[in-house]
Amino acid sequence: MLKEEENYYSDTVVAIAGVDEAGRGPLAGPVYAAAVIFPRDYHNELINDSKKLTEKKREALFEEIKANALSYGIAFSTAEEIDRYNIYEATKMAMRKAIAQLSVPYQTILTDAMPLAGYDVPVVPLIKGDARCMNIAGASILAKVSRDRYMKELQEKYPNFSFGIHKGYGTKAHMEELEKYGPIVGVHRKSFKPVAKFYCVQLTLF
């Protein structure tokens, strides 16, 4: 059971926000982030780092987390924002948007290794936090499921790309699609090197 949060609760710290992201590595699509505040006495042994769970388990836990959280927020930064600010800053932007949605006062923020400045409560970046803290793990599941659902919607809009399968990561299938059809403006991250070279080809052709 993930219970690192217990080290941060006290008489004055009664609500902790866990924050995580999904989609920093892909070549396409937004980066998502989520923030979750669970009741201190809430325990669920099934909640874990989203990468360690099957899609079916993540989908089931998505509803479980929303139903049991005191509050949660889900947000994203677009591919255009990623290109404009870089993936690191865009990820922090998404996290801030998710935190801003929380409707319950919190006294500490725990993130999965991401420093966030400007808050009037302690922000603690924890290495592998999604494998140590249930609040962070819950956030990782909300972010991952939300992003995966969005990528499936993108596949319906752009059927030449199997976004619902590779989720925009640089898999062999995705690279073959990029080679054949070229990048989609506003969807592919042109600041990422594997994508940038295809934009360069388009500029050469026209």
N, C-alpha and C. Protein backbone atom coordinates (compact mmCIF):
# COMPACT_ATOMS: atom_id res chain seq x y z
N MET A 1 0.85 -1.20 0.00
CA MET A 1 0.00 0.00 0.00
C MET A 1 0.88 1.25 0.00
N LEU A 2 0.52 2.25 -0.81
CA LEU A 2 1.27 3.48 -0.88
C LEU A 2 0.86 4.39 0.29
N LYS A 3 1.82 4.79 1.10
CA LYS A 3 1.45 5.58 2.28
C LYS A 3 2.53 6.58 2.68
N GLU A 4 3.30 7.05 1.73
CA GLU A 4 4.33 8.04 2.02
C GLU A 4 3.72 9.33 2.58
N GLU A 5 2.46 9.60 2.24
CA GLU A 5 1.80 10.81 2.74
C GLU A 5 1.82 10.90 4.25
N GLU A 6 1.79 9.76 4.90
CA GLU A 6 1.73 9.76 6.37
C GLU A 6 2.88 10.55 6.99
N ASN A 7 4.00 10.65 6.26
CA ASN A 7 5.14 11.40 6.78
C ASN A 7 4.91 12.91 6.75
N TYR A 8 3.85 13.34 6.09
CA TYR A 8 3.62 14.77 5.92
C TYR A 8 2.37 15.28 6.63
N TYR A 9 1.51 14.40 7.07
CA TYR A 9 0.34 14.81 7.85
C TYR A 9 0.78 15.26 9.24
N SER A 10 0.02 16.18 9.80
CA SER A 10 0.29 16.65 11.17
C SER A 10 -0.99 17.28 11.71
N ASP A 11 -0.88 17.92 12.85
CA ASP A 11 -2.05 18.59 13.41
C ASP A 11 -2.53 19.72 12.50
N THR A 12 -1.60 20.31 11.76
CA THR A 12 -1.96 21.43 10.89
C THR A 12 -2.06 21.04 9.41
N VAL A 13 -1.46 19.92 9.05
CA VAL A 13 -1.55 19.43 7.66
C VAL A 13 -2.58 18.30 7.63
N VAL A 14 -3.78 18.64 7.22
CA VAL A 14 -4.88 17.67 7.23
C VAL A 14 -5.34 17.29 5.83
N ALA A 15 -4.86 18.03 4.83
CA ALA A 15 -5.20 17.71 3.44
C ALA A 15 -3.96 17.89 2.57
N ILE A 16 -3.64 16.87 1.79
CA ILE A 16 -2.45 16.88 0.94
C ILE A 16 -2.88 16.70 -0.51
N ALA A 17 -2.35 17.56 -1.39
CA ALA A 17 -2.62 17.44 -2.82
C ALA A 17 -1.48 16.67 -3.48
N GLY A 18 -1.83 15.58 -4.16
CA GLY A 18 -0.86 14.84 -4.94
C GLY A 18 -0.99 15.24 -6.41
N VAL A 19 0.14 15.45 -7.07
CA VAL A 19 0.14 15.95 -8.44
C VAL A 19 1.06 15.11 -9.33
N ASP A 20 0.58 14.79 -10.53
CA ASP A 20 1.41 14.05 -11.48
C ASP A 20 0.98 14.39 -12.90
N GLU A 21 1.78 13.94 -13.87
CA GLU A 21 1.50 14.24 -15.27
C GLU A 21 1.50 12.96 -16.10
N ALA A 22 1.04 13.09 -17.34
CA ALA A 22 1.10 12.00 -18.31
C ALA A 22 1.32 12.61 -19.69
N GLY A 23 2.29 12.07 -20.41
CA GLY A 23 2.48 12.51 -21.78
C GLY A 23 3.62 13.46 -22.03
N ARG A 24 4.67 13.41 -21.22
CA ARG A 24 5.82 14.28 -21.48
C ARG A 24 6.64 13.76 -22.67
N GLY A 25 6.67 12.45 -22.86
CA GLY A 25 7.55 11.87 -23.87
C GLY A 25 7.02 11.76 -25.29
N PRO A 26 5.70 11.69 -25.50
CA PRO A 26 5.17 11.49 -26.85
C PRO A 26 5.55 12.60 -27.83
N LEU A 27 5.42 12.29 -29.12
CA LEU A 27 5.70 13.24 -30.18
C LEU A 27 4.46 14.04 -30.57
N ALA A 28 3.32 13.62 -30.07
CA ALA A 28 2.06 14.26 -30.46
C ALA A 28 1.11 14.35 -29.27
N GLY A 29 0.20 15.32 -29.38
CA GLY A 29 -0.83 15.46 -28.36
C GLY A 29 -0.39 16.32 -27.19
N PRO A 30 -1.33 16.65 -26.32
CA PRO A 30 -1.04 17.47 -25.15
C PRO A 30 -0.36 16.68 -24.04
N VAL A 31 0.19 17.40 -23.08
CA VAL A 31 0.64 16.79 -21.84
C VAL A 31 -0.45 17.07 -20.81
N TYR A 32 -0.88 16.04 -20.11
CA TYR A 32 -1.94 16.15 -19.12
C TYR A 32 -1.35 16.15 -17.71
N ALA A 33 -2.08 16.74 -16.79
CA ALA A 33 -1.71 16.71 -15.38
C ALA A 33 -2.97 16.59 -14.55
N ALA A 34 -2.82 16.04 -13.36
CA ALA A 34 -3.95 15.92 -12.45
C ALA A 34 -3.49 16.17 -11.02
N ALA A 35 -4.42 16.60 -10.21
CA ALA A 35 -4.17 16.81 -8.78
C ALA A 35 -5.29 16.11 -8.01
N VAL A 36 -4.92 15.44 -6.94
CA VAL A 36 -5.89 14.66 -6.16
C VAL A 36 -5.69 14.88 -4.66
N ILE A 37 -6.78 15.08 -3.96
CA ILE A 37 -6.77 15.10 -2.49
C ILE A 37 -7.67 13.99 -2.00
N PHE A 38 -7.08 12.97 -1.40
CA PHE A 38 -7.85 11.89 -0.78
C PHE A 38 -8.07 12.20 0.71
N PRO A 39 -9.14 11.69 1.29
CA PRO A 39 -9.26 11.75 2.75
C PRO A 39 -8.09 11.00 3.38
N ARG A 40 -7.63 11.44 4.50
CA ARG A 40 -6.47 10.80 5.13
C ARG A 40 -6.73 9.33 5.41
N ASP A 41 -7.96 8.99 5.74
CA ASP A 41 -8.25 7.61 6.11
C ASP A 41 -8.67 6.74 4.92
N TYR A 42 -8.55 7.30 3.71
CA TYR A 42 -8.91 6.50 2.53
C TYR A 42 -7.73 5.62 2.12
N HIS A 43 -8.03 4.35 1.89
CA HIS A 43 -6.99 3.40 1.47
C HIS A 43 -7.54 2.54 0.33
N ASN A 44 -6.73 2.32 -0.66
CA ASN A 44 -7.10 1.46 -1.78
C ASN A 44 -5.82 0.81 -2.30
N GLU A 45 -5.68 -0.48 -2.03
CA GLU A 45 -4.45 -1.18 -2.41
C GLU A 45 -4.30 -1.34 -3.92
N LEU A 46 -5.35 -1.08 -4.68
CA LEU A 46 -5.26 -1.21 -6.13
C LEU A 46 -4.64 0.02 -6.78
N ILE A 47 -4.67 1.14 -6.10
CA ILE A 47 -4.12 2.37 -6.66
C ILE A 47 -2.59 2.30 -6.63
N ASN A 48 -2.00 2.56 -7.80
CA ASN A 48 -0.54 2.48 -7.94
C ASN A 48 -0.13 3.37 -9.09
N ASP A 49 1.17 3.47 -9.29
CA ASP A 49 1.71 4.18 -10.45
C ASP A 49 0.98 3.71 -11.70
N SER A 50 0.43 4.64 -12.47
CA SER A 50 -0.39 4.28 -13.63
C SER A 50 0.35 3.39 -14.63
N LYS A 51 1.68 3.54 -14.70
CA LYS A 51 2.47 2.75 -15.65
C LYS A 51 2.51 1.28 -15.26
N LYS A 52 2.19 0.98 -14.02
CA LYS A 52 2.22 -0.40 -13.54
C LYS A 52 0.86 -1.09 -13.65
N LEU A 53 -0.12 -0.38 -14.17
CA LEU A 53 -1.48 -0.91 -14.25
C LEU A 53 -1.89 -1.13 -15.70
N THR A 54 -2.78 -2.08 -15.90
CA THR A 54 -3.32 -2.30 -17.24
C THR A 54 -4.33 -1.20 -17.56
N GLU A 55 -4.63 -1.04 -18.82
CA GLU A 55 -5.60 -0.02 -19.23
C GLU A 55 -6.95 -0.27 -18.57
N LYS A 56 -7.35 -1.53 -18.49
CA LYS A 56 -8.63 -1.88 -17.88
C LYS A 56 -8.67 -1.47 -16.41
N LYS A 57 -7.58 -1.72 -15.70
CA LYS A 57 -7.53 -1.37 -14.28
C LYS A 57 -7.51 0.15 -14.10
N ARG A 58 -6.78 0.83 -14.97
CA ARG A 58 -6.76 2.30 -14.87
C ARG A 58 -8.14 2.89 -15.10
N GLU A 59 -8.86 2.36 -16.07
CA GLU A 59 -10.20 2.86 -16.37
C GLU A 59 -11.13 2.67 -15.18
N ALA A 60 -11.05 1.50 -14.54
CA ALA A 60 -11.90 1.23 -13.37
C ALA A 60 -11.53 2.15 -12.20
N LEU A 61 -10.22 2.35 -12.00
CA LEU A 61 -9.77 3.19 -10.89
C LEU A 61 -10.06 4.67 -11.14
N PHE A 62 -10.14 5.06 -12.39
CA PHE A 62 -10.46 6.45 -12.74
C PHE A 62 -11.75 6.88 -12.06
N GLU A 63 -12.78 6.06 -12.18
CA GLU A 63 -14.07 6.39 -11.55
C GLU A 63 -14.00 6.26 -10.04
N GLU A 64 -13.25 5.27 -9.56
CA GLU A 64 -13.09 5.06 -8.12
C GLU A 64 -12.42 6.28 -7.48
N ILE A 65 -11.39 6.78 -8.13
CA ILE A 65 -10.66 7.93 -7.60
C ILE A 65 -11.55 9.17 -7.56
N LYS A 66 -12.26 9.43 -8.64
CA LYS A 66 -13.13 10.60 -8.68
C LYS A 66 -14.23 10.51 -7.62
N ALA A 67 -14.71 9.30 -7.38
CA ALA A 67 -15.81 9.12 -6.43
C ALA A 67 -15.35 9.30 -4.98
N ASN A 68 -14.08 9.00 -4.70
CA ASN A 68 -13.61 9.00 -3.31
C ASN A 68 -12.71 10.17 -2.94
N ALA A 69 -12.23 10.90 -3.93
CA ALA A 69 -11.37 12.05 -3.64
C ALA A 69 -12.19 13.17 -3.00
N LEU A 70 -11.58 13.88 -2.08
CA LEU A 70 -12.21 15.08 -1.53
C LEU A 70 -12.33 16.14 -2.62
N SER A 71 -11.33 16.16 -3.51
CA SER A 71 -11.33 17.07 -4.65
C SER A 71 -10.28 16.58 -5.65
N TYR A 72 -10.49 16.92 -6.91
CA TYR A 72 -9.49 16.58 -7.93
C TYR A 72 -9.56 17.59 -9.06
N GLY A 73 -8.50 17.67 -9.82
CA GLY A 73 -8.45 18.55 -10.98
C GLY A 73 -7.70 17.85 -12.11
N ILE A 74 -8.13 18.07 -13.33
CA ILE A 74 -7.48 17.49 -14.51
C ILE A 74 -7.31 18.60 -15.54
N ALA A 75 -6.10 18.77 -16.05
CA ALA A 75 -5.83 19.84 -16.99
C ALA A 75 -4.77 19.40 -17.99
N PHE A 76 -4.50 20.25 -18.98
CA PHE A 76 -3.49 19.91 -19.98
C PHE A 76 -2.87 21.17 -20.57
N SER A 77 -1.72 20.97 -21.20
CA SER A 77 -1.10 21.99 -22.05
C SER A 77 -1.05 21.43 -23.46
N THR A 78 -1.40 22.26 -24.42
CA THR A 78 -1.50 21.80 -25.80
C THR A 78 -0.12 21.59 -26.45
N ALA A 79 -0.14 20.96 -27.62
CA ALA A 79 1.11 20.79 -28.38
C ALA A 79 1.71 22.13 -28.72
N GLU A 80 0.86 23.11 -29.05
CA GLU A 80 1.36 24.46 -29.36
C GLU A 80 2.05 25.09 -28.14
N GLU A 81 1.47 24.89 -26.96
CA GLU A 81 2.09 25.43 -25.74
C GLU A 81 3.40 24.71 -25.44
N ILE A 82 3.44 23.43 -25.72
CA ILE A 82 4.68 22.66 -25.53
C ILE A 82 5.77 23.22 -26.44
N ASP A 83 5.42 23.52 -27.70
CA ASP A 83 6.39 24.08 -28.64
C ASP A 83 6.81 25.49 -28.24
N ARG A 84 5.88 26.24 -27.68
CA ARG A 84 6.16 27.64 -27.33
C ARG A 84 7.02 27.74 -26.08
N TYR A 85 6.71 26.94 -25.07
CA TYR A 85 7.36 27.11 -23.77
C TYR A 85 8.38 26.02 -23.44
N ASN A 86 8.38 24.93 -24.13
CA ASN A 86 9.14 23.68 -23.93
C ASN A 86 8.34 22.72 -23.04
N ILE A 87 8.64 21.46 -23.12
CA ILE A 87 7.81 20.44 -22.45
C ILE A 87 7.88 20.56 -20.93
N TYR A 88 9.03 20.96 -20.41
CA TYR A 88 9.17 21.09 -18.96
C TYR A 88 8.25 22.18 -18.42
N GLU A 89 8.30 23.35 -19.04
CA GLU A 89 7.46 24.46 -18.58
C GLU A 89 5.99 24.19 -18.85
N ALA A 90 5.69 23.56 -19.98
CA ALA A 90 4.29 23.24 -20.31
C ALA A 90 3.72 22.24 -19.31
N THR A 91 4.56 21.31 -18.86
CA THR A 91 4.11 20.34 -17.85
C THR A 91 3.77 21.05 -16.55
N LYS A 92 4.62 21.97 -16.14
CA LYS A 92 4.34 22.74 -14.92
C LYS A 92 3.07 23.57 -15.07
N MET A 93 2.86 24.13 -16.26
CA MET A 93 1.63 24.89 -16.52
C MET A 93 0.40 24.00 -16.32
N ALA A 94 0.45 22.79 -16.87
CA ALA A 94 -0.68 21.87 -16.74
C ALA A 94 -0.92 21.51 -15.28
N MET A 95 0.16 21.30 -14.54
CA MET A 95 0.03 20.97 -13.12
C MET A 95 -0.62 22.12 -12.35
N ARG A 96 -0.20 23.34 -12.66
CA ARG A 96 -0.77 24.49 -11.97
C ARG A 96 -2.27 24.63 -12.27
N LYS A 97 -2.64 24.37 -13.52
CA LYS A 97 -4.05 24.42 -13.90
C LYS A 97 -4.85 23.37 -13.11
N ALA A 98 -4.30 22.17 -12.98
CA ALA A 98 -4.99 21.10 -12.24
C ALA A 98 -5.13 21.46 -10.77
N ILE A 99 -4.07 21.99 -10.18
CA ILE A 99 -4.11 22.39 -8.77
C ILE A 99 -5.15 23.49 -8.56
N ALA A 100 -5.23 24.39 -9.52
CA ALA A 100 -6.17 25.52 -9.39
C ALA A 100 -7.62 25.06 -9.37
N GLN A 101 -7.89 23.86 -9.86
CA GLN A 101 -9.26 23.34 -9.87
C GLN A 101 -9.68 22.76 -8.52
N LEU A 102 -8.73 22.54 -7.63
CA LEU A 102 -9.05 21.93 -6.34
C LEU A 102 -9.94 22.85 -5.51
N SER A 103 -11.02 22.29 -4.99
CA SER A 103 -11.99 23.08 -4.24
C SER A 103 -11.87 22.91 -2.73
N VAL A 104 -10.92 22.10 -2.30
CA VAL A 104 -10.71 21.84 -0.88
C VAL A 104 -9.37 22.44 -0.46
N PRO A 105 -9.32 23.16 0.65
CA PRO A 105 -8.03 23.72 1.11
C PRO A 105 -7.02 22.60 1.39
N TYR A 106 -5.79 22.82 1.02
CA TYR A 106 -4.72 21.85 1.25
C TYR A 106 -3.55 22.58 1.89
N GLN A 107 -2.75 21.83 2.65
CA GLN A 107 -1.65 22.44 3.37
C GLN A 107 -0.27 22.01 2.85
N THR A 108 -0.26 21.03 1.96
CA THR A 108 0.99 20.54 1.37
C THR A 108 0.70 20.01 -0.03
N ILE A 109 1.66 20.20 -0.93
CA ILE A 109 1.57 19.63 -2.27
C ILE A 109 2.72 18.66 -2.45
N LEU A 110 2.40 17.44 -2.85
CA LEU A 110 3.42 16.44 -3.17
C LEU A 110 3.38 16.18 -4.67
N THR A 111 4.51 16.29 -5.35
CA THR A 111 4.56 16.06 -6.78
C THR A 111 5.49 14.91 -7.11
N ASP A 112 5.32 14.38 -8.31
CA ASP A 112 6.22 13.32 -8.77
C ASP A 112 7.47 13.96 -9.38
N ALA A 113 8.35 14.38 -8.50
CA ALA A 113 9.68 14.89 -8.87
C ALA A 113 9.65 16.23 -9.60
N MET A 114 8.54 16.94 -9.56
CA MET A 114 8.45 18.23 -10.26
C MET A 114 8.41 19.40 -9.26
N PRO A 115 9.43 20.27 -9.24
CA PRO A 115 9.37 21.44 -8.37
C PRO A 115 8.37 22.46 -8.91
N LEU A 116 7.61 23.06 -8.02
CA LEU A 116 6.65 24.09 -8.39
C LEU A 116 6.79 25.24 -7.41
N ALA A 117 7.14 26.41 -7.92
CA ALA A 117 7.34 27.57 -7.06
C ALA A 117 6.08 28.43 -7.02
N GLY A 118 6.02 29.31 -6.02
CA GLY A 118 4.96 30.31 -5.97
C GLY A 118 3.75 29.95 -5.14
N TYR A 119 3.81 28.85 -4.42
CA TYR A 119 2.69 28.47 -3.55
C TYR A 119 2.99 28.86 -2.11
N ASP A 120 1.95 29.16 -1.35
CA ASP A 120 2.15 29.53 0.04
C ASP A 120 2.06 28.33 0.98
N VAL A 121 2.14 27.14 0.39
CA VAL A 121 2.23 25.90 1.18
C VAL A 121 3.46 25.15 0.68
N PRO A 122 4.02 24.25 1.50
CA PRO A 122 5.19 23.49 1.05
C PRO A 122 4.88 22.65 -0.19
N VAL A 123 5.81 22.65 -1.14
CA VAL A 123 5.72 21.79 -2.32
C VAL A 123 6.91 20.83 -2.26
N VAL A 124 6.62 19.53 -2.20
CA VAL A 124 7.67 18.54 -2.04
C VAL A 124 7.74 17.66 -3.29
N PRO A 125 8.82 17.80 -4.09
CA PRO A 125 8.99 16.91 -5.24
C PRO A 125 9.59 15.58 -4.78
N LEU A 126 8.89 14.51 -4.99
CA LEU A 126 9.34 13.19 -4.54
C LEU A 126 9.75 12.34 -5.73
N ILE A 127 10.97 11.84 -5.72
CA ILE A 127 11.43 10.93 -6.76
C ILE A 127 10.58 9.66 -6.71
N LYS A 128 10.07 9.26 -7.87
CA LYS A 128 9.17 8.09 -7.96
C LYS A 128 7.98 8.23 -7.02
N GLY A 129 7.49 9.46 -6.91
CA GLY A 129 6.37 9.73 -6.00
C GLY A 129 5.13 8.94 -6.34
N ASP A 130 4.93 8.63 -7.64
CA ASP A 130 3.73 7.89 -8.03
C ASP A 130 3.79 6.43 -7.59
N ALA A 131 4.95 5.97 -7.15
CA ALA A 131 5.08 4.62 -6.62
C ALA A 131 5.20 4.62 -5.10
N ARG A 132 5.06 5.81 -4.49
CA ARG A 132 5.21 5.94 -3.05
C ARG A 132 4.00 6.55 -2.37
N CYS A 133 3.31 7.45 -3.07
CA CYS A 133 2.20 8.18 -2.46
C CYS A 133 0.89 7.89 -3.19
N MET A 134 -0.14 7.58 -2.44
CA MET A 134 -1.42 7.26 -3.06
C MET A 134 -2.03 8.48 -3.74
N ASN A 135 -1.87 9.66 -3.16
CA ASN A 135 -2.41 10.86 -3.79
C ASN A 135 -1.76 11.12 -5.14
N ILE A 136 -0.44 10.95 -5.20
CA ILE A 136 0.27 11.16 -6.47
C ILE A 136 -0.11 10.06 -7.46
N ALA A 137 -0.18 8.82 -6.99
CA ALA A 137 -0.57 7.71 -7.86
C ALA A 137 -1.97 7.93 -8.42
N GLY A 138 -2.88 8.41 -7.55
CA GLY A 138 -4.22 8.70 -8.02
C GLY A 138 -4.21 9.76 -9.11
N ALA A 139 -3.38 10.78 -8.93
CA ALA A 139 -3.25 11.83 -9.94
C ALA A 139 -2.68 11.27 -11.24
N SER A 140 -1.72 10.36 -11.12
CA SER A 140 -1.11 9.77 -12.33
C SER A 140 -2.15 8.99 -13.13
N ILE A 141 -3.06 8.33 -12.45
CA ILE A 141 -4.11 7.57 -13.14
C ILE A 141 -5.10 8.51 -13.82
N LEU A 142 -5.52 9.56 -13.13
CA LEU A 142 -6.44 10.51 -13.75
C LEU A 142 -5.83 11.15 -14.98
N ALA A 143 -4.56 11.52 -14.89
CA ALA A 143 -3.88 12.16 -16.02
C ALA A 143 -3.72 11.19 -17.18
N LYS A 144 -3.29 9.97 -16.88
CA LYS A 144 -3.04 8.98 -17.92
C LYS A 144 -4.33 8.59 -18.65
N VAL A 145 -5.38 8.30 -17.91
CA VAL A 145 -6.65 7.90 -18.53
C VAL A 145 -7.21 9.05 -19.36
N SER A 146 -7.15 10.26 -18.81
CA SER A 146 -7.68 11.42 -19.54
C SER A 146 -6.93 11.62 -20.85
N ARG A 147 -5.62 11.50 -20.82
CA ARG A 147 -4.84 11.69 -22.04
C ARG A 147 -5.10 10.57 -23.04
N ASP A 148 -5.15 9.33 -22.56
CA ASP A 148 -5.40 8.20 -23.46
C ASP A 148 -6.75 8.34 -24.15
N ARG A 149 -7.75 8.79 -23.41
CA ARG A 149 -9.07 8.98 -24.01
C ARG A 149 -9.02 10.05 -25.09
N TYR A 150 -8.27 11.12 -24.82
CA TYR A 150 -8.15 12.19 -25.80
C TYR A 150 -7.44 11.69 -27.06
N MET A 151 -6.40 10.87 -26.89
CA MET A 151 -5.67 10.37 -28.06
C MET A 151 -6.54 9.44 -28.90
N LYS A 152 -7.46 8.74 -28.27
CA LYS A 152 -8.41 7.90 -29.03
C LYS A 152 -9.35 8.78 -29.84
N GLU A 153 -9.74 9.91 -29.26
CA GLU A 153 -10.57 10.86 -30.00
C GLU A 153 -9.81 11.42 -31.21
N LEU A 154 -8.51 11.66 -31.02
CA LEU A 154 -7.70 12.16 -32.12
C LEU A 154 -7.62 11.14 -33.26
N GLN A 155 -7.60 9.86 -32.90
CA GLN A 155 -7.55 8.84 -33.94
C GLN A 155 -8.82 8.87 -34.79
N GLU A 156 -9.95 9.13 -34.16
CA GLU A 156 -11.20 9.23 -34.91
C GLU A 156 -11.17 10.44 -35.85
N LYS A 157 -10.52 11.50 -35.41
CA LYS A 157 -10.44 12.72 -36.22
C LYS A 157 -9.40 12.57 -37.33
N TYR A 158 -8.31 11.86 -37.01
CA TYR A 158 -7.22 11.67 -37.98
C TYR A 158 -6.96 10.17 -38.14
N PRO A 159 -7.79 9.46 -38.88
CA PRO A 159 -7.69 8.00 -38.98
C PRO A 159 -6.41 7.48 -39.61
N ASN A 160 -5.63 8.34 -40.26
CA ASN A 160 -4.35 7.89 -40.80
C ASN A 160 -3.33 7.61 -39.70
N PHE A 161 -3.59 8.12 -38.51
CA PHE A 161 -2.68 7.93 -37.38
C PHE A 161 -3.35 7.08 -36.31
N SER A 162 -2.66 6.05 -35.87
CA SER A 162 -3.23 5.14 -34.86
C SER A 162 -2.93 5.65 -33.45
N PHE A 163 -3.36 6.89 -33.18
CA PHE A 163 -3.11 7.51 -31.88
C PHE A 163 -3.70 6.71 -30.73
N GLY A 164 -4.81 6.03 -30.98
CA GLY A 164 -5.45 5.25 -29.91
C GLY A 164 -4.61 4.08 -29.46
N ILE A 165 -3.67 3.67 -30.30
CA ILE A 165 -2.80 2.53 -29.98
C ILE A 165 -1.46 3.00 -29.43
N HIS A 166 -0.76 3.85 -30.19
CA HIS A 166 0.58 4.26 -29.73
C HIS A 166 0.58 5.53 -28.89
N LYS A 167 -0.59 6.18 -28.78
CA LYS A 167 -0.78 7.35 -27.92
C LYS A 167 0.18 8.49 -28.25
N GLY A 168 0.73 8.49 -29.46
CA GLY A 168 1.61 9.58 -29.86
C GLY A 168 3.07 9.36 -29.56
N TYR A 169 3.42 8.24 -28.93
CA TYR A 169 4.82 7.95 -28.65
C TYR A 169 5.56 7.63 -29.95
N GLY A 170 6.86 7.71 -29.91
CA GLY A 170 7.66 7.49 -31.11
C GLY A 170 7.87 6.03 -31.46
N THR A 171 6.80 5.28 -31.55
CA THR A 171 6.89 3.87 -31.91
C THR A 171 7.20 3.73 -33.39
N LYS A 172 7.54 2.53 -33.79
CA LYS A 172 7.82 2.26 -35.20
C LYS A 172 6.61 2.60 -36.06
N ALA A 173 5.42 2.21 -35.61
CA ALA A 173 4.19 2.47 -36.37
C ALA A 173 3.96 3.98 -36.52
N HIS A 174 4.17 4.72 -35.43
CA HIS A 174 3.97 6.16 -35.49
C HIS A 174 4.97 6.82 -36.43
N MET A 175 6.21 6.40 -36.38
CA MET A 175 7.22 6.98 -37.26
C MET A 175 6.92 6.68 -38.72
N GLU A 176 6.39 5.51 -38.97
CA GLU A 176 6.00 5.16 -40.35
C GLU A 176 4.84 6.03 -40.82
N GLU A 177 3.92 6.32 -39.91
CA GLU A 177 2.79 7.20 -40.24
C GLU A 177 3.28 8.62 -40.53
N LEU A 178 4.22 9.09 -39.72
CA LEU A 178 4.79 10.41 -39.95
C LEU A 178 5.50 10.47 -41.30
N GLU A 179 6.22 9.41 -41.63
CA GLU A 179 6.94 9.34 -42.90
C GLU A 179 5.98 9.39 -44.08
N LYS A 180 4.85 8.72 -43.93
CA LYS A 180 3.89 8.61 -45.03
C LYS A 180 3.00 9.84 -45.16
N TYR A 181 2.53 10.37 -44.03
CA TYR A 181 1.52 11.43 -44.08
C TYR A 181 2.03 12.80 -43.63
N GLY A 182 3.17 12.84 -42.99
CA GLY A 182 3.67 14.10 -42.47
C GLY A 182 2.98 14.47 -41.16
N PRO A 183 3.55 15.43 -40.43
CA PRO A 183 2.99 15.81 -39.12
C PRO A 183 1.70 16.60 -39.26
N ILE A 184 0.86 16.52 -38.24
CA ILE A 184 -0.40 17.27 -38.19
C ILE A 184 -0.15 18.55 -37.40
N VAL A 185 -0.35 19.68 -38.03
CA VAL A 185 -0.15 20.97 -37.36
C VAL A 185 -1.11 21.10 -36.17
N GLY A 186 -0.55 21.46 -35.04
CA GLY A 186 -1.36 21.61 -33.84
C GLY A 186 -1.53 20.33 -33.05
N VAL A 187 -1.08 19.22 -33.62
CA VAL A 187 -1.16 17.93 -32.92
C VAL A 187 0.23 17.39 -32.64
N HIS A 188 1.09 17.38 -33.66
CA HIS A 188 2.46 16.93 -33.45
C HIS A 188 3.30 18.06 -32.86
N ARG A 189 4.23 17.68 -32.01
CA ARG A 189 5.09 18.64 -31.33
C ARG A 189 6.29 18.94 -32.22
N LYS A 190 6.24 20.03 -32.95
CA LYS A 190 7.27 20.32 -33.93
C LYS A 190 8.62 20.67 -33.30
N SER A 191 8.64 20.95 -31.99
CA SER A 191 9.89 21.24 -31.31
C SER A 191 10.64 19.96 -30.92
N PHE A 192 9.99 18.80 -31.06
CA PHE A 192 10.64 17.53 -30.77
C PHE A 192 11.40 17.07 -32.02
N LYS A 193 12.66 16.71 -31.87
CA LYS A 193 13.52 16.42 -33.02
C LYS A 193 12.95 15.40 -34.01
N PRO A 194 12.37 14.27 -33.56
CA PRO A 194 11.85 13.31 -34.54
C PRO A 194 10.74 13.88 -35.40
N VAL A 195 10.03 14.90 -34.89
CA VAL A 195 8.96 15.54 -35.66
C VAL A 195 9.52 16.69 -36.48
N ALA A 196 10.47 17.43 -35.92
CA ALA A 196 11.00 18.62 -36.58
C ALA A 196 11.55 18.31 -37.96
N LYS A 197 12.17 17.16 -38.11
CA LYS A 197 12.77 16.84 -39.41
C LYS A 197 11.71 16.72 -40.50
N PHE A 198 10.49 16.31 -40.12
CA PHE A 198 9.43 16.20 -41.12
C PHE A 198 8.89 17.58 -41.50
N TYR A 199 8.88 18.50 -40.56
CA TYR A 199 8.50 19.87 -40.88
C TYR A 199 9.53 20.49 -41.83
N CYS A 200 10.81 20.15 -41.62
CA CYS A 200 11.87 20.65 -42.49
C CYS A 200 11.70 20.13 -43.90
N VAL A 201 11.27 18.88 -44.05
CA VAL A 201 11.03 18.31 -45.35
C VAL A 201 9.90 19.05 -46.06
N GLN A 202 8.82 19.34 -45.32
CA GLN A 202 7.69 20.05 -45.89
C GLN A 202 8.09 21.44 -46.37
N LEU A 203 8.93 22.13 -45.58
CA LEU A 203 9.38 23.47 -45.95
C LEU A 203 10.24 23.40 -47.22
N THR A 204 11.02 22.34 -47.35
CA THR A 204 11.87 22.16 -48.53
C THR A 204 11.03 21.94 -49.77
N LEU A 205 9.94 21.17 -49.62
CA LEU A 205 9.09 20.84 -50.74
C LEU A 205 8.29 22.04 -51.24
N PHE A 206 7.93 22.93 -50.31
CA PHE A 206 7.08 24.05 -50.70
C PHE A 206 7.88 25.33 -50.63
